[in-house]
Amino acid sequence: MKAVVADRGQVTIPKPLRERLGILPGTVLEFREESNRLVAEKTEVKSTLDRAYGRFGTNRRTDDLIRSLRGKS
């Protein structure tokens, strides 16, 4: 599959790849160079609250904490 880089540096990821890799609107991709290749990897964005909990040593995502507080797994 091929894509063309637009004037502003934008590239459309082909739909079959987006579907296969679960890349949805709002998905954050991290870009890096490896051996002269461009690599894009999905990354998890943590909210400010998630980062704060990490500082206090709970190491749990906010959604998981709320579920456990409500008695749901």
N, C-alpha and C. Protein backbone atom coordinates (compact mmCIF):
# COMPACT_ATOMS: atom_id res chain seq x y z
N MET A 1 0.84 -1.18 0.00
CA MET A 1 0.00 0.00 0.00
C MET A 1 0.88 1.24 0.00
N LYS A 2 0.42 2.24 -0.70
CA LYS A 2 1.18 3.47 -0.78
C LYS A 2 0.29 4.65 -0.40
N ALA A 3 0.93 5.72 0.05
CA ALA A 3 0.24 6.97 0.35
C ALA A 3 1.16 8.11 -0.05
N VAL A 4 0.58 9.23 -0.40
CA VAL A 4 1.34 10.40 -0.83
C VAL A 4 1.36 11.42 0.30
N VAL A 5 2.52 11.99 0.55
CA VAL A 5 2.65 13.03 1.56
C VAL A 5 2.14 14.34 0.95
N ALA A 6 1.20 14.99 1.63
CA ALA A 6 0.63 16.25 1.15
C ALA A 6 1.58 17.41 1.45
N ASP A 7 1.25 18.58 0.92
CA ASP A 7 2.09 19.77 1.10
C ASP A 7 2.38 20.07 2.57
N ARG A 8 1.43 19.83 3.43
CA ARG A 8 1.60 20.13 4.86
C ARG A 8 2.19 18.95 5.64
N GLY A 9 2.66 17.93 4.95
CA GLY A 9 3.29 16.79 5.63
C GLY A 9 2.31 15.74 6.10
N GLN A 10 1.06 15.84 5.69
CA GLN A 10 0.04 14.89 6.13
C GLN A 10 0.00 13.68 5.21
N VAL A 11 -0.30 12.53 5.82
CA VAL A 11 -0.41 11.28 5.09
C VAL A 11 -1.68 10.59 5.56
N THR A 12 -2.43 10.04 4.62
CA THR A 12 -3.60 9.25 4.98
C THR A 12 -3.19 7.80 5.09
N ILE A 13 -3.44 7.21 6.24
CA ILE A 13 -3.14 5.79 6.44
C ILE A 13 -4.22 4.99 5.70
N PRO A 14 -3.85 4.08 4.83
CA PRO A 14 -4.85 3.33 4.08
C PRO A 14 -5.86 2.63 5.01
N LYS A 15 -7.12 2.67 4.60
CA LYS A 15 -8.20 2.14 5.42
C LYS A 15 -7.98 0.68 5.86
N PRO A 16 -7.54 -0.22 4.96
CA PRO A 16 -7.33 -1.61 5.42
C PRO A 16 -6.33 -1.70 6.59
N LEU A 17 -5.29 -0.86 6.57
CA LEU A 17 -4.32 -0.86 7.67
C LEU A 17 -4.95 -0.30 8.94
N ARG A 18 -5.69 0.81 8.81
CA ARG A 18 -6.36 1.39 9.99
C ARG A 18 -7.28 0.38 10.65
N GLU A 19 -8.05 -0.32 9.82
CA GLU A 19 -8.99 -1.30 10.37
C GLU A 19 -8.26 -2.46 11.02
N ARG A 20 -7.25 -2.98 10.35
CA ARG A 20 -6.51 -4.14 10.87
C ARG A 20 -5.78 -3.80 12.17
N LEU A 21 -5.26 -2.57 12.27
CA LEU A 21 -4.47 -2.18 13.44
C LEU A 21 -5.29 -1.45 14.51
N GLY A 22 -6.56 -1.25 14.25
CA GLY A 22 -7.41 -0.59 15.25
C GLY A 22 -7.07 0.88 15.43
N ILE A 23 -6.69 1.54 14.37
CA ILE A 23 -6.38 2.97 14.44
C ILE A 23 -7.67 3.73 14.16
N LEU A 24 -8.21 4.33 15.20
CA LEU A 24 -9.48 5.05 15.13
C LEU A 24 -9.23 6.55 15.25
N PRO A 25 -10.23 7.37 14.91
CA PRO A 25 -10.06 8.81 15.13
C PRO A 25 -9.69 9.08 16.58
N GLY A 26 -8.70 9.92 16.78
CA GLY A 26 -8.23 10.22 18.13
C GLY A 26 -7.08 9.36 18.60
N THR A 27 -6.78 8.28 17.87
CA THR A 27 -5.64 7.44 18.23
C THR A 27 -4.36 8.25 18.11
N VAL A 28 -3.50 8.15 19.10
CA VAL A 28 -2.23 8.87 19.07
C VAL A 28 -1.15 7.92 18.58
N LEU A 29 -0.38 8.38 17.60
CA LEU A 29 0.72 7.60 17.05
C LEU A 29 2.04 8.27 17.43
N GLU A 30 3.00 7.45 17.80
CA GLU A 30 4.35 7.94 18.09
C GLU A 30 5.22 7.57 16.89
N PHE A 31 5.97 8.55 16.39
CA PHE A 31 6.82 8.32 15.23
C PHE A 31 8.28 8.30 15.65
N ARG A 32 9.04 7.43 14.99
CA ARG A 32 10.49 7.38 15.22
C ARG A 32 11.15 6.83 13.97
N GLU A 33 12.45 7.02 13.91
CA GLU A 33 13.23 6.50 12.79
C GLU A 33 14.01 5.29 13.27
N GLU A 34 13.96 4.22 12.50
CA GLU A 34 14.74 3.01 12.78
C GLU A 34 15.37 2.55 11.49
N SER A 35 16.67 2.52 11.45
CA SER A 35 17.41 2.05 10.27
C SER A 35 16.91 2.72 8.99
N ASN A 36 16.79 4.04 9.05
CA ASN A 36 16.37 4.84 7.90
C ASN A 36 14.94 4.53 7.45
N ARG A 37 14.10 4.05 8.38
CA ARG A 37 12.68 3.79 8.11
C ARG A 37 11.85 4.59 9.10
N LEU A 38 10.68 5.01 8.65
CA LEU A 38 9.74 5.69 9.53
C LEU A 38 8.85 4.65 10.18
N VAL A 39 8.80 4.64 11.50
CA VAL A 39 7.98 3.68 12.25
C VAL A 39 6.95 4.46 13.05
N ALA A 40 5.70 4.07 12.91
CA ALA A 40 4.61 4.68 13.68
C ALA A 40 4.06 3.61 14.61
N GLU A 41 3.87 3.97 15.87
CA GLU A 41 3.37 3.01 16.86
C GLU A 41 2.25 3.65 17.67
N LYS A 42 1.16 2.89 17.86
CA LYS A 42 0.08 3.40 18.69
C LYS A 42 0.61 3.56 20.11
N THR A 43 0.18 4.63 20.77
CA THR A 43 0.61 4.87 22.13
C THR A 43 -0.59 5.21 22.98
N GLU A 44 -0.51 4.87 24.22
CA GLU A 44 -1.61 5.16 25.15
C GLU A 44 -1.38 6.53 25.77
N VAL A 45 -2.38 7.37 25.67
CA VAL A 45 -2.29 8.70 26.26
C VAL A 45 -2.90 8.63 27.65
N LYS A 46 -2.12 9.04 28.63
CA LYS A 46 -2.62 9.04 30.00
C LYS A 46 -3.13 10.43 30.35
N SER A 47 -4.25 10.46 31.03
CA SER A 47 -4.80 11.73 31.46
C SER A 47 -3.95 12.30 32.59
N THR A 48 -4.16 13.55 32.89
CA THR A 48 -3.45 14.20 33.99
C THR A 48 -3.71 13.45 35.29
N LEU A 49 -4.94 13.01 35.49
CA LEU A 49 -5.28 12.27 36.71
C LEU A 49 -4.55 10.94 36.76
N ASP A 50 -4.48 10.25 35.62
CA ASP A 50 -3.74 8.98 35.57
C ASP A 50 -2.28 9.20 35.96
N ARG A 51 -1.67 10.26 35.45
CA ARG A 51 -0.27 10.54 35.78
C ARG A 51 -0.12 10.85 37.26
N ALA A 52 -1.07 11.56 37.84
CA ALA A 52 -1.00 11.90 39.26
C ALA A 52 -1.08 10.64 40.11
N TYR A 53 -2.00 9.72 39.76
CA TYR A 53 -2.10 8.48 40.52
C TYR A 53 -0.79 7.70 40.45
N GLY A 54 -0.15 7.73 39.29
CA GLY A 54 1.13 7.03 39.14
C GLY A 54 2.18 7.58 40.10
N ARG A 55 2.12 8.86 40.37
CA ARG A 55 3.08 9.46 41.29
C ARG A 55 2.86 9.01 42.72
N PHE A 56 1.63 8.66 43.04
CA PHE A 56 1.33 8.23 44.41
C PHE A 56 1.49 6.72 44.59
N GLY A 57 1.95 6.05 43.54
CA GLY A 57 2.29 4.64 43.67
C GLY A 57 1.16 3.66 43.43
N THR A 58 -0.04 4.11 43.02
CA THR A 58 -1.11 3.15 42.77
C THR A 58 -0.89 2.41 41.47
N ASN A 59 -0.24 3.09 40.49
CA ASN A 59 0.07 2.48 39.20
C ASN A 59 -1.17 1.86 38.55
N ARG A 60 -2.32 2.50 38.74
CA ARG A 60 -3.58 2.02 38.16
C ARG A 60 -4.20 3.14 37.34
N ARG A 61 -4.84 2.78 36.25
CA ARG A 61 -5.54 3.76 35.43
C ARG A 61 -6.79 4.22 36.17
N THR A 62 -7.18 5.44 35.92
CA THR A 62 -8.35 6.03 36.58
C THR A 62 -9.59 5.18 36.36
N ASP A 63 -9.86 4.75 35.11
CA ASP A 63 -11.04 3.95 34.83
C ASP A 63 -11.04 2.65 35.63
N ASP A 64 -9.87 2.00 35.74
CA ASP A 64 -9.78 0.76 36.51
C ASP A 64 -10.05 1.01 37.99
N LEU A 65 -9.52 2.10 38.51
CA LEU A 65 -9.73 2.45 39.91
C LEU A 65 -11.21 2.69 40.19
N ILE A 66 -11.87 3.44 39.32
CA ILE A 66 -13.30 3.73 39.51
C ILE A 66 -14.12 2.45 39.44
N ARG A 67 -13.80 1.56 38.50
CA ARG A 67 -14.52 0.29 38.41
C ARG A 67 -14.37 -0.50 39.71
N SER A 68 -13.16 -0.55 40.25
CA SER A 68 -12.96 -1.34 41.48
C SER A 68 -13.66 -0.68 42.67
N LEU A 69 -13.71 0.64 42.71
CA LEU A 69 -14.41 1.33 43.77
C LEU A 69 -15.91 1.06 43.70
N ARG A 70 -16.42 0.88 42.50
CA ARG A 70 -17.85 0.61 42.31
C ARG A 70 -18.16 -0.87 42.42
N GLY A 71 -17.13 -1.69 42.65
CA GLY A 71 -17.34 -3.12 42.83
C GLY A 71 -17.46 -3.89 41.52
N LYS A 72 -16.99 -3.28 40.44
CA LYS A 72 -17.03 -3.95 39.14
C LYS A 72 -15.61 -4.31 38.75
N SER A 73 -15.45 -5.46 38.10
CA SER A 73 -14.10 -5.90 37.68
C SER A 73 -13.66 -5.25 36.43
